[in-house]
Amino acid sequence: MMRSIDFSLAPFLVIWETTQACNLACVHCRACAQPSRHPDELTTAEGFRLLADAARMGTPVFILSGGDPLQRPDLLDLVREGKRLGLRMGTIPAATPVLDAAMVHSLKEAGLDQMALSLDYPRADLHDGFRGVPGAFQRTIEAAAWARESRLPLQINTTLWSGSADYLAQMTDLVERLGAVFWEVFFLVPLGRGTKLDGIDGRRCEELFAVLYEAQKKARFILKVTEAPHYRRYVAQREEQGSGRAGGASHDVVSMPDMLRRSEGPGHTIGLAPRGVNAGKGFVFVSHVGEVYPSGFLPLSAGNVRSQSLDVIYRESELLRELRNPDALLGRCGRCKYRVICGGSRSRAYALTGNYLATDPWCDYQPAAA
């Protein structure tokens, strides 16, 4: 079972953007990734120090992200070092020719706990168009098979925006067929190239939540919804209705529904946090040059790991401390009784309003008047 963590002292999850180099051209890319590596990326030694900082803090899960982390020749060394330190390690390789059966096997041998692959549509033409490279869909399907052959737990990441939302139910079936143990559904934050994509309004979010809720009840995989924490509110409401407690006490909801905090699953996945994670609250993102952000989609720096240790930044940054305080939220988010387990997407609030404490524009829930 996943140990309890005080989110004021340590994040449940650290994601390190090891590089922005990537040979895909995804239309929603936050980082506007490019083929070449940045000359000022964190070095292997600096990466080892970052892993050690996370382990010392008590953070259980560490993800090596990108860009395409396979563009770093030291990726396997980073995985091995993270495992030596006792971290649960994951990575998110891009579906390019560099990702082959031998590489998947090597990741497993290095000790990787979970490999994530991006799959946004159930059809090759749509997915390849979204990712900007022909063959990306087929490479992803092949890589999923290589993961099964290597007994490497597989995660599927899916981006939801107005153009992909209608395919969500089909994606649920595909994720199941691929044998994934973990499905992360990411609701678009308009950043980088993603500013050109159409979003999803609050009413449509509720419809999509219904699809995800039914899938989560039946599926063998663990489901995680990212940048739509109001899904936690939706689940809490549905669970309240099922228990006959709907419309009851108006006090704050502080406990996550059981179905949202599974710590283990098929294949011993990296698991879910026992409490509501949000930007800067149980989670931080480290950029390729060492900047520490509350989220990769909330690009306000709390410090840099080249000048301060990660634990000092996480615990002492005024930005991160404010984001961990649900009473600092404004508007409907600040009045909502679900603000402790939800809190709205701080990244989307910042992207669309310029204020990271504002109401999440994609949530239509109307809390009771104060």
Protein backbone atom coordinates (compact mmCIF):
# COMPACT_ATOMS: atom_id res chain seq x y z
CA MET A 1 0.00 0.00 0.00
CA MET A 2 1.13 3.58 -0.72
CA ARG A 3 2.32 5.32 2.43
CA SER A 4 0.62 8.48 3.64
CA ILE A 5 2.35 11.73 2.68
CA ASP A 6 2.05 15.19 4.16
CA PHE A 7 1.67 17.33 1.03
CA SER A 8 3.08 20.35 2.87
CA LEU A 9 6.39 18.48 3.14
CA ALA A 10 6.63 16.37 -0.01
CA PRO A 11 4.84 15.78 -3.30
CA PHE A 12 3.34 12.42 -4.13
CA LEU A 13 4.64 12.80 -7.68
CA VAL A 14 7.56 14.58 -9.35
CA ILE A 15 7.72 14.85 -13.13
CA TRP A 16 11.03 15.84 -14.68
CA GLU A 17 10.97 17.08 -18.24
CA THR A 18 14.32 15.47 -19.07
CA THR A 19 14.42 17.11 -22.53
CA GLN A 20 12.23 19.05 -24.93
CA ALA A 21 13.73 17.21 -27.90
CA CYS A 22 11.15 15.14 -29.78
CA ASN A 23 10.61 14.01 -33.36
CA LEU A 24 6.83 14.21 -33.14
CA ALA A 25 4.93 17.42 -33.91
CA CYS A 26 1.87 17.11 -31.66
CA VAL A 27 -0.69 19.84 -32.28
CA HIS A 28 -1.32 20.34 -28.53
CA CYS A 29 2.32 20.28 -27.34
CA ARG A 30 2.83 22.35 -24.18
CA ALA A 31 6.57 22.59 -24.76
CA CYS A 32 6.54 23.27 -28.52
CA ALA A 33 9.06 20.40 -28.71
CA GLN A 34 11.78 20.44 -31.34
CA PRO A 35 14.22 17.89 -32.82
CA SER A 36 17.38 19.11 -31.04
CA ARG A 37 18.26 18.90 -27.36
CA HIS A 38 18.80 22.13 -25.46
CA PRO A 39 22.48 22.66 -24.57
CA ASP A 40 21.58 23.70 -21.01
CA GLU A 41 19.56 20.62 -20.06
CA LEU A 42 20.19 19.18 -16.61
CA THR A 43 23.17 16.83 -16.74
CA THR A 44 23.20 13.22 -15.62
CA ALA A 45 24.82 14.23 -12.33
CA GLU A 46 22.20 16.93 -11.78
CA GLY A 47 19.51 14.39 -12.60
CA PHE A 48 20.91 11.99 -10.03
CA ARG A 49 20.86 14.79 -7.45
CA LEU A 50 17.23 15.57 -8.31
CA LEU A 51 16.28 11.92 -7.86
CA ALA A 52 18.06 11.87 -4.52
CA ASP A 53 16.22 15.02 -3.40
CA ALA A 54 12.87 13.43 -4.26
CA ALA A 55 13.73 10.20 -2.45
CA ARG A 56 14.95 12.08 0.64
CA MET A 57 11.68 14.04 0.78
CA GLY A 58 9.66 10.82 0.82
CA THR A 59 8.16 11.24 -2.65
CA PRO A 60 7.18 7.76 -3.90
CA VAL A 61 6.65 8.32 -7.65
CA PHE A 62 9.03 9.93 -10.16
CA ILE A 63 8.31 10.27 -13.89
CA LEU A 64 10.93 10.92 -16.58
CA SER A 65 9.07 12.91 -19.20
CA GLY A 66 9.82 15.07 -22.23
CA GLY A 67 9.78 15.91 -25.13
CA ASP A 68 10.90 12.38 -25.76
CA PRO A 69 13.02 11.02 -22.89
CA LEU A 70 14.49 8.45 -25.31
CA GLN A 71 16.43 11.36 -26.81
CA ARG A 72 18.58 11.28 -23.66
CA PRO A 73 21.35 8.65 -23.86
CA ASP A 74 21.37 8.38 -20.05
CA LEU A 75 17.69 7.43 -19.69
CA LEU A 76 18.40 3.87 -18.54
CA ASP A 77 20.98 5.14 -16.06
CA LEU A 78 18.40 7.55 -14.63
CA VAL A 79 15.88 4.73 -14.24
CA ARG A 80 18.44 2.53 -12.49
CA GLU A 81 19.44 5.32 -10.12
CA GLY A 82 15.84 6.08 -9.24
CA LYS A 83 15.20 2.43 -8.46
CA ARG A 84 18.37 2.26 -6.35
CA LEU A 85 16.97 5.13 -4.30
CA GLY A 86 13.64 3.34 -3.79
CA LEU A 87 11.49 5.42 -6.14
CA ARG A 88 8.70 4.09 -8.33
CA MET A 89 9.90 5.07 -11.78
CA GLY A 90 7.89 5.78 -14.91
CA THR A 91 8.66 7.26 -18.31
CA ILE A 92 6.74 8.48 -21.36
CA PRO A 93 8.61 7.67 -24.60
CA ALA A 94 7.42 9.08 -27.91
CA ALA A 95 6.20 6.67 -30.60
CA THR A 96 9.13 7.02 -32.96
CA PRO A 97 11.51 4.43 -34.50
CA VAL A 98 13.79 4.84 -31.45
CA LEU A 99 11.10 3.04 -29.45
CA ASP A 100 11.50 -0.61 -30.41
CA ALA A 101 11.17 -4.01 -28.75
CA ALA A 102 14.79 -3.96 -27.56
CA MET A 103 14.35 -0.57 -25.91
CA VAL A 104 11.17 -1.64 -24.12
CA HIS A 105 12.98 -4.73 -22.85
CA SER A 106 15.92 -2.59 -21.70
CA LEU A 107 13.58 -0.27 -19.78
CA LYS A 108 12.10 -3.28 -18.02
CA GLU A 109 15.56 -4.65 -17.20
CA ALA A 110 16.61 -1.27 -15.81
CA GLY A 111 13.77 -1.54 -13.29
CA LEU A 112 11.14 0.74 -14.82
CA ASP A 113 7.83 0.33 -12.98
CA GLN A 114 5.53 1.70 -15.68
CA MET A 115 5.79 2.87 -19.28
CA ALA A 116 3.28 5.38 -20.61
CA LEU A 117 2.30 5.71 -24.26
CA SER A 118 0.18 8.49 -25.73
CA LEU A 119 -2.93 7.42 -27.60
CA ASP A 120 -5.57 10.04 -28.27
CA TYR A 121 -7.88 8.45 -30.84
CA PRO A 122 -9.02 4.91 -31.62
CA ARG A 123 -8.11 5.36 -35.31
CA ALA A 124 -4.73 5.73 -36.99
CA ASP A 125 -5.69 8.61 -39.29
CA LEU A 126 -6.99 10.76 -36.43
CA HIS A 127 -4.19 9.94 -34.00
CA ASP A 128 -1.42 10.41 -36.56
CA GLY A 129 -2.90 13.75 -37.58
CA PHE A 130 -2.95 14.86 -33.95
CA ARG A 131 0.62 13.71 -33.31
CA GLY A 132 1.90 15.13 -36.60
CA VAL A 133 3.72 12.00 -37.84
CA PRO A 134 2.36 9.14 -39.98
CA GLY A 135 2.77 5.75 -38.31
CA ALA A 136 2.59 7.02 -34.72
CA PHE A 137 -0.60 5.04 -34.04
CA GLN A 138 0.84 1.76 -35.35
CA ARG A 139 4.08 2.27 -33.43
CA THR A 140 2.07 2.81 -30.25
CA ILE A 141 0.06 -0.36 -30.77
CA GLU A 142 3.28 -2.30 -31.37
CA ALA A 143 4.93 -0.78 -28.29
CA ALA A 144 1.94 -1.84 -26.18
CA ALA A 145 2.52 -5.42 -27.37
CA TRP A 146 6.23 -5.18 -26.56
CA ALA A 147 5.33 -3.99 -23.06
CA ARG A 148 3.10 -7.02 -22.54
CA GLU A 149 5.84 -9.33 -23.83
CA SER A 150 8.34 -7.76 -21.43
CA ARG A 151 5.88 -7.82 -18.51
CA LEU A 152 6.27 -4.05 -18.21
CA PRO A 153 3.10 -2.41 -16.82
CA LEU A 154 1.55 -0.20 -19.49
CA GLN A 155 -0.06 3.20 -19.07
CA ILE A 156 -2.04 4.94 -21.82
CA ASN A 157 -2.26 8.76 -21.85
CA THR A 158 -5.16 10.37 -23.71
CA THR A 159 -5.70 14.06 -24.37
CA LEU A 160 -9.29 15.32 -24.37
CA TRP A 161 -10.32 18.41 -26.28
CA SER A 162 -13.40 19.23 -28.34
CA GLY A 163 -12.05 17.29 -31.34
CA SER A 164 -11.40 14.05 -29.43
CA ALA A 165 -14.20 14.08 -26.85
CA ASP A 166 -16.67 12.16 -29.02
CA TYR A 167 -14.28 9.20 -29.14
CA LEU A 168 -13.91 8.78 -25.38
CA ALA A 169 -16.10 5.66 -25.09
CA GLN A 170 -14.22 3.99 -27.96
CA MET A 171 -10.93 4.87 -26.29
CA THR A 172 -12.13 3.18 -23.11
CA ASP A 173 -12.57 -0.07 -25.02
CA LEU A 174 -9.21 0.26 -26.77
CA VAL A 175 -7.32 0.89 -23.53
CA GLU A 176 -8.87 -2.28 -22.11
CA ARG A 177 -7.95 -4.33 -25.19
CA LEU A 178 -4.34 -3.15 -25.06
CA GLY A 179 -3.97 -4.58 -21.57
CA ALA A 180 -3.13 -1.25 -19.93
CA VAL A 181 -3.03 -1.21 -16.14
CA PHE A 182 -3.35 2.59 -15.92
CA TRP A 183 -5.22 5.13 -18.05
CA GLU A 184 -4.48 8.83 -17.64
CA VAL A 185 -7.06 11.09 -19.26
CA PHE A 186 -5.80 14.63 -19.64
CA PHE A 187 -8.24 17.49 -20.15
CA LEU A 188 -6.52 20.05 -22.38
CA VAL A 189 -4.93 23.16 -20.92
CA PRO A 190 -4.47 25.72 -23.71
CA LEU A 191 -0.73 26.27 -23.59
CA GLY A 192 1.95 26.24 -26.29
CA ARG A 193 0.55 24.80 -29.50
CA GLY A 194 -2.60 23.85 -27.59
CA THR A 195 -3.82 27.45 -27.63
CA LYS A 196 -5.08 26.79 -31.17
CA LEU A 197 -7.38 23.95 -30.09
CA ASP A 198 -10.99 24.29 -28.98
CA GLY A 199 -11.72 23.52 -25.36
CA ILE A 200 -14.59 21.76 -23.59
CA ASP A 201 -17.25 23.68 -21.69
CA GLY A 202 -18.49 22.75 -18.25
CA ARG A 203 -21.63 20.97 -19.46
CA ARG A 204 -19.62 18.78 -21.82
CA CYS A 205 -17.18 17.99 -19.03
CA GLU A 206 -20.04 16.58 -16.97
CA GLU A 207 -21.08 14.34 -19.89
CA LEU A 208 -17.52 13.06 -20.26
CA PHE A 209 -17.26 12.51 -16.51
CA ALA A 210 -20.27 10.20 -16.76
CA VAL A 211 -18.46 8.09 -19.37
CA LEU A 212 -15.31 7.95 -17.24
CA TYR A 213 -17.25 7.12 -14.08
CA GLU A 214 -18.91 4.12 -15.69
CA ALA A 215 -15.60 2.99 -17.16
CA GLN A 216 -13.86 3.30 -13.81
CA LYS A 217 -16.45 1.15 -12.09
CA LYS A 218 -16.09 -1.70 -14.61
CA ALA A 219 -12.52 -1.55 -15.88
CA ARG A 220 -9.58 -3.59 -14.63
CA PHE A 221 -7.20 -0.66 -15.15
CA ILE A 222 -6.70 2.28 -12.81
CA LEU A 223 -8.12 5.56 -14.15
CA LYS A 224 -6.53 8.92 -13.42
CA VAL A 225 -8.04 12.19 -14.63
CA THR A 226 -5.55 15.04 -15.01
CA GLU A 227 -6.29 18.80 -15.16
CA ALA A 228 -9.97 18.14 -14.47
CA PRO A 229 -10.02 17.74 -10.69
CA HIS A 230 -13.73 18.52 -10.73
CA TYR A 231 -14.10 14.88 -11.78
CA ARG A 232 -13.40 14.15 -8.09
CA ARG A 233 -16.35 16.34 -7.19
CA TYR A 234 -18.48 14.52 -9.77
CA VAL A 235 -17.53 11.12 -8.32
CA ALA A 236 -18.15 12.32 -4.77
CA GLN A 237 -21.62 13.50 -5.79
CA ARG A 238 -22.42 10.20 -7.51
CA GLU A 239 -21.19 8.26 -4.48
CA GLU A 240 -23.30 10.45 -2.21
CA GLN A 241 -26.35 9.78 -4.37
CA GLY A 242 -25.67 6.05 -4.29
CA SER A 243 -25.50 6.07 -0.51
CA GLY A 244 -28.62 8.20 -0.14
CA ARG A 245 -26.68 11.14 1.33
CA ALA A 246 -27.13 13.56 -1.58
CA GLY A 247 -28.08 17.06 -0.56
CA GLY A 248 -27.06 16.45 3.03
CA ALA A 249 -24.59 18.32 5.18
CA SER A 250 -22.99 21.41 3.68
CA HIS A 251 -19.62 21.00 5.43
CA ASP A 252 -16.46 20.72 3.37
CA VAL A 253 -15.73 17.40 1.71
CA VAL A 254 -12.17 16.48 2.67
CA SER A 255 -11.96 12.73 1.99
CA MET A 256 -11.39 11.32 -1.49
CA PRO A 257 -13.97 8.75 -2.61
CA ASP A 258 -12.54 5.23 -2.36
CA MET A 259 -12.64 4.63 -6.11
CA LEU A 260 -10.30 7.60 -6.67
CA ARG A 261 -7.42 6.46 -4.44
CA ARG A 262 -6.43 2.94 -5.45
CA SER A 263 -2.79 2.52 -4.50
CA GLU A 264 -2.28 -0.79 -6.30
CA GLY A 265 -3.75 -2.42 -9.34
CA PRO A 266 -3.09 -5.10 -11.94
CA GLY A 267 0.62 -5.37 -12.59
CA HIS A 268 1.42 -3.36 -9.43
CA THR A 269 1.12 0.05 -11.06
CA ILE A 270 2.60 3.27 -9.72
CA GLY A 271 -0.83 3.91 -8.21
CA LEU A 272 -2.91 6.93 -7.28
CA ALA A 273 -2.45 9.44 -4.50
CA PRO A 274 -4.56 8.83 -1.39
CA ARG A 275 -5.66 12.49 -1.43
CA GLY A 276 -6.43 15.14 -4.02
CA VAL A 277 -3.30 16.17 -5.94
CA ASN A 278 -3.21 19.51 -7.72
CA ALA A 279 -0.60 21.92 -9.08
CA GLY A 280 1.94 22.50 -6.32
CA LYS A 281 -0.12 20.37 -3.95
CA GLY A 282 1.32 16.88 -3.97
CA PHE A 283 2.88 17.48 -7.37
CA VAL A 284 5.67 19.51 -8.97
CA PHE A 285 7.17 19.66 -12.44
CA VAL A 286 10.87 20.21 -13.09
CA SER A 287 11.75 21.65 -16.49
CA HIS A 288 14.61 20.51 -18.71
CA VAL A 289 16.73 23.40 -17.38
CA GLY A 290 15.81 22.89 -13.72
CA GLU A 291 12.96 25.35 -13.16
CA VAL A 292 10.42 24.03 -10.66
CA TYR A 293 6.81 24.70 -11.66
CA PRO A 294 3.58 23.79 -9.84
CA SER A 295 2.69 21.99 -13.08
CA GLY A 296 4.04 21.80 -16.58
CA PHE A 297 0.90 23.67 -17.56
CA LEU A 298 1.36 26.40 -14.93
CA PRO A 299 4.68 27.95 -16.03
CA LEU A 300 5.43 30.10 -12.99
CA SER A 301 8.78 29.24 -11.43
CA ALA A 302 9.09 28.50 -7.72
CA GLY A 303 12.87 28.17 -7.98
CA ASN A 304 15.58 26.23 -9.76
CA VAL A 305 17.16 22.97 -8.61
CA ARG A 306 20.56 24.25 -9.72
CA SER A 307 20.51 26.84 -6.94
CA GLN A 308 18.26 25.22 -4.31
CA SER A 309 17.35 21.68 -3.38
CA LEU A 310 13.93 20.43 -4.41
CA ASP A 311 12.76 19.99 -0.83
CA VAL A 312 13.55 23.61 0.06
CA ILE A 313 11.75 24.88 -3.03
CA TYR A 314 8.69 22.71 -2.48
CA ARG A 315 8.33 23.49 1.22
CA GLU A 316 9.25 27.18 1.28
CA SER A 317 8.08 28.69 -2.02
CA GLU A 318 5.32 31.22 -1.40
CA LEU A 319 3.75 30.26 -4.74
CA LEU A 320 3.52 26.58 -3.85
CA ARG A 321 2.38 27.27 -0.29
CA GLU A 322 -0.45 29.45 -1.61
CA LEU A 323 -1.51 26.75 -4.08
CA ARG A 324 -1.71 24.25 -1.22
CA ASN A 325 -4.16 26.44 0.69
CA PRO A 326 -7.75 25.72 -0.43
CA ASP A 327 -8.96 28.79 1.45
CA ALA A 328 -6.94 31.00 -0.93
CA LEU A 329 -9.11 30.00 -3.91
CA LEU A 330 -11.38 32.65 -5.39
CA GLY A 331 -14.86 32.72 -6.87
CA ARG A 332 -16.91 29.54 -7.05
CA CYS A 333 -13.84 27.39 -6.33
CA GLY A 334 -13.29 29.26 -3.06
CA ARG A 335 -16.93 28.72 -1.98
CA CYS A 336 -17.16 25.08 -3.05
CA LYS A 337 -17.47 22.42 -0.35
CA TYR A 338 -15.40 20.10 -2.56
CA ARG A 339 -12.46 22.49 -2.79
CA VAL A 340 -10.17 20.31 -0.63
CA ILE A 341 -10.45 17.22 -2.85
CA CYS A 342 -10.90 19.21 -6.07
CA GLY A 343 -9.71 22.81 -6.12
CA GLY A 344 -10.24 23.17 -9.86
CA SER A 345 -7.48 23.18 -12.45
CA ARG A 346 -5.09 25.90 -11.32
CA SER A 347 -3.29 25.55 -14.66
CA ARG A 348 -6.42 26.18 -16.71
CA ALA A 349 -7.49 29.05 -14.46
CA TYR A 350 -4.13 30.69 -15.09
CA ALA A 351 -4.13 29.96 -18.83
CA LEU A 352 -7.61 31.37 -19.41
CA THR A 353 -7.90 34.11 -16.77
CA GLY A 354 -4.32 35.02 -15.84
CA ASN A 355 -5.03 34.24 -12.17
CA TYR A 356 -4.06 30.81 -10.86
CA LEU A 357 -6.46 31.16 -7.90
CA ALA A 358 -9.52 31.93 -10.05
CA THR A 359 -12.46 29.62 -10.76
CA ASP A 360 -11.70 26.82 -13.22
CA PRO A 361 -13.53 28.01 -16.38
CA TRP A 362 -14.40 24.43 -17.38
CA CYS A 363 -16.45 23.73 -14.23
CA ASP A 364 -20.15 24.62 -14.16
CA TYR A 365 -20.84 23.46 -10.59
CA GLN A 366 -22.70 26.07 -8.56
CA PRO A 367 -21.86 25.81 -4.85
CA ALA A 368 -24.32 26.90 -2.23
CA ALA A 369 -24.21 30.57 -1.31
CA ALA A 370 -21.94 31.39 1.63
